[in-house]
Amino acid sequence: MSPRRTLLAIVLGLGFVHAAWTQSHPLAPAFNSRPGAAYTLYVNFSGFDYPGTWGSGTPGNIPAYNNQTGSTFTAAEQANIKNIWARIAEAYAPFNVNVTTVDPAVAAGQAGSDAQRLAYYDATPRLMHTIIGNPNSSFYSGAGGVSFVNVWATAQTQGRATNWVFPGRLGGYTAFHNIFTASAHEVGHAAGLSHQGDYIGTTRVNEYSRNNNSSVIAPTMGVAYSAARSVWRLGKVSGSTTQNDPLRIRQNSGMGNFINDGIGRTLATATALPFQSATSHIIDFTLARGIIVPVSNTNPQPIGVDNYTRGFFVFDTSGGPASIRVNAGGQWITPGVPDPDASLDATLRILDINGNQVAISDTPSLSETINITLAAGRYYIEVSSAGGKNASLGPNGDWDPAYFYDMGSYFLTGFVTIPEPSTMALIGLGVAGYGFHYYRRRKLGQNVSSESASTM
């Protein structure tokens, strides 16, 4: 199937990452979200001199992020790259995907030239190369990003393992949210996803759903530039076809199940709440972290708390004040501070030793806090999803309802009043005795997708 025949309009773009070891490309800072994962998403910020044609266009020499031409990026540029990478990493946190800025071609000894790199990306199954940079004005003019469809799982040819995001058409190099959501969108195409649209019955009203122009939430595979949250969706992609975004991504060959973060998912298997030291009352946010994913790997459903996993932590207190906060999102940019573009809307509960609710925080905010004075005893912290979101209805209330996934990373901060060490030893709740498993992250068809920057 030719690229021209399979060209689709796509508004979102994917990141451009290029670790340059030859030619004049600056070296990007090294970030990895899930080393060793089955799938790799290499986000190239270092520029790329593309040989020949891609799809129906000629990209030419793409400058590095911010048009940097030196051997390294400035501190500000490195911070910006980390900001964009972290947001993309969060979008793919539920999957067996490593979002990286480290060029895999270098480790493979295939980085002698950009042409050699390109051939390596194509020849390597489960590797996607996303370039974040500005091409010449004639390369898919007006598009915010372009990608072939369903090309991630298998080896490719003709540059189909490479896709693009164009910051200059999305608001510039510091338009972090737009660059992120375009990148997640384009990689979604590489994973086999089509556009999430709006339909009245079987009639398409919009190819790219904006969730009725919601400023709160919109589908990643629609248009989420103006929405605070860009999320995966269960919704129509044609008059008769419904697409379950997370399921379709997971169904890529070798992707495996949704990520298991190693946090206890029941009271009986609750993870010991980690503290900064054996005698500290401060929660260790570097360890007290997890990710909420759909319960079902074969039929994930977006609406309902019970359709998502929960995370349980257990702690003992000698009685006194406690302040516990669940922070929605990862902490890739600054440890202990939630990153922008979180995909989880969390609910926080404290339960007693019998599992009875002592306190709950379930506000419209993504993160939740409970300040409380507790009697002496054993308690559980439960982190759960808010249970998904229904789509906003159309102007006449007649659009088919579309459902948004509500899953993603979280971490805990705060303090509790803990027993003295001698008491702690008696009750056996020392953090050292509990294993905490930090979660780690990791092409067939010939379709190309490109979209107008103004549409997304």
Foldseek 3Di string as FASTA:
>chain_A
DAQVVQEAAAAFAAAALDQADDDQWAGADKDKFFPPFPAEEAHHQGWAADPDAARPGHQGTFAGQVNDRHNHDDPVSNLLVLQLQQLLSFQQQQWRAMYINDQPCVVVVQRPHRVSSLQVLQQDARYAHEREGAGPCVGLHQFQWKAFAFARGHHHDRSRSYIYGYQVLQPGSNLRVRNNLSNNQRVLRQLHDAAAFWDQQQHTPGQADCLQVEQDEGESSHDCSNHQAHFHWFHDNGNPDTDRSVLSSCPRPPGDFTWDFQADQDPVRHFAQDAPDQAFFWTDQVQQKGKKDAPDNNDQDAFDQNRITKGKYKAWAQWFKWKKKKAAADQSSHPPDHRGRGQAQKKKFKAAPVRHTPDIFRDPHSMGMDIDTDHGHMMMIMITGSGWDWGRAYPVNRIDIMTGHHMGMITMTIGGHHDGSVVCVVVVSGNVVGDGGGIRHRRPDGRMYTHRNVRD
